Amino acid sequence: MYRGYAALVAGEPFPASEFEPLYCLATSRRANAAYVLSEEEVLAKYQHQFRVKKDMPAAFAELQGDYLYMLTTPSREELEQMIHDFGQRAE
């Protein structure tokens, strides 16, 4: 990022990225909700995409959920499937 900014300041074009572009999903779950797939199941299914799980502070949990999960993927289709799998609640 800084190299790109320096190039722009010097009047040069922004250099191409050396990294594969990825989608990043930040999603949450509630402790008192039942989901079709358990936490163990979704984390096993997306073990290679999983980056972090964070317990949310109580001040944010009511609005945002109790647990935050972050995952990355190069595929938009897989991103949509992850959203579905993490969010689908059991009836």
Protein backbone atom coordinates (compact mmCIF):
# COMPACT_ATOMS: atom_id res chain seq x y z
CA MET A 1 0.00 0.00 0.00
CA TYR A 2 2.72 2.47 0.96
CA ARG A 3 4.71 1.56 -2.15
CA GLY A 4 1.65 2.32 -4.25
CA TYR A 5 1.11 5.66 -2.53
CA ALA A 6 4.78 6.56 -3.04
CA ALA A 7 4.48 5.71 -6.73
CA LEU A 8 1.45 7.99 -7.10
CA VAL A 9 3.22 10.86 -5.32
CA ALA A 10 6.19 10.40 -7.65
CA GLY A 11 3.87 10.62 -10.67
CA GLU A 12 4.18 6.93 -11.49
CA PRO A 13 1.27 4.51 -12.03
CA PHE A 14 -0.02 2.50 -9.09
CA PRO A 15 1.80 -0.86 -9.22
CA ALA A 16 -0.11 -4.07 -9.78
CA SER A 17 -0.82 -6.14 -6.70
CA GLU A 18 1.47 -9.05 -5.92
CA PHE A 19 -1.33 -10.80 -4.04
CA GLU A 20 -4.37 -12.73 -5.20
CA PRO A 21 -7.51 -10.66 -4.57
CA LEU A 22 -9.73 -12.21 -1.89
CA TYR A 23 -13.21 -11.66 -0.57
CA CYS A 24 -13.34 -11.31 3.21
CA LEU A 25 -16.43 -12.36 5.14
CA ALA A 26 -17.01 -10.97 8.62
CA THR A 27 -20.11 -12.65 10.02
CA SER A 28 -21.51 -13.30 13.45
CA ARG A 29 -23.63 -15.75 15.37
CA ARG A 30 -25.66 -15.53 18.54
CA ALA A 31 -25.01 -17.83 21.47
CA ASN A 32 -28.72 -18.43 22.12
CA ALA A 33 -29.69 -19.26 18.51
CA ALA A 34 -29.88 -22.69 16.87
CA TYR A 35 -28.27 -23.01 13.44
CA VAL A 36 -28.63 -25.72 10.80
CA LEU A 37 -24.86 -26.26 10.85
CA SER A 38 -23.10 -26.26 14.20
CA GLU A 39 -20.02 -24.14 14.78
CA GLU A 40 -17.90 -27.29 14.55
CA GLU A 41 -19.45 -28.19 11.19
CA VAL A 42 -18.96 -24.79 9.54
CA LEU A 43 -15.42 -24.44 10.88
CA ALA A 44 -14.56 -27.92 9.60
CA LYS A 45 -16.13 -27.18 6.21
CA TYR A 46 -14.23 -23.89 5.87
CA GLN A 47 -11.06 -24.78 7.75
CA HIS A 48 -8.83 -23.47 4.93
CA GLN A 49 -10.77 -20.20 4.63
CA PHE A 50 -11.14 -19.56 8.37
CA ARG A 51 -9.00 -16.74 9.79
CA VAL A 52 -10.28 -15.76 13.24
CA LYS A 53 -13.07 -16.13 15.79
CA LYS A 54 -13.60 -13.40 18.36
CA ASP A 55 -15.94 -13.26 21.33
CA MET A 56 -17.73 -9.94 21.03
CA PRO A 57 -17.80 -7.59 24.04
CA ALA A 58 -21.20 -7.46 25.72
CA ALA A 59 -21.63 -3.83 24.64
CA PHE A 60 -21.64 -4.92 20.97
CA ALA A 61 -23.10 -8.42 21.23
CA GLU A 62 -26.74 -7.33 21.39
CA LEU A 63 -26.50 -5.62 18.00
CA GLN A 64 -23.77 -7.61 16.29
CA GLY A 65 -23.94 -11.11 17.73
CA ASP A 66 -21.93 -12.93 20.38
CA TYR A 67 -19.21 -14.37 18.13
CA LEU A 68 -17.46 -12.82 15.14
CA TYR A 69 -15.97 -15.05 12.44
CA MET A 70 -13.68 -13.89 9.65
CA LEU A 71 -12.99 -15.96 6.54
CA THR A 72 -11.41 -15.30 3.14
CA THR A 73 -11.99 -16.81 -0.30
CA PRO A 74 -11.10 -15.95 -3.91
CA SER A 75 -14.57 -17.07 -5.05
CA ARG A 76 -17.72 -14.95 -4.93
CA GLU A 77 -19.82 -18.12 -5.13
CA GLU A 78 -18.06 -19.63 -2.12
CA LEU A 79 -18.53 -16.35 -0.24
CA GLU A 80 -22.28 -16.57 -0.85
CA GLN A 81 -22.29 -20.20 0.35
CA MET A 82 -20.38 -19.25 3.51
CA ILE A 83 -22.93 -16.51 4.26
CA HIS A 84 -25.71 -19.07 3.85
CA ASP A 85 -23.99 -21.76 5.93
CA PHE A 86 -23.10 -19.48 8.84
CA GLY A 87 -26.47 -17.73 8.93
CA GLN A 88 -29.07 -20.42 8.29
CA ARG A 89 -31.05 -20.94 11.48
CA ALA A 90 -32.75 -24.16 12.47
CA GLU A 91 -36.52 -24.02 12.64
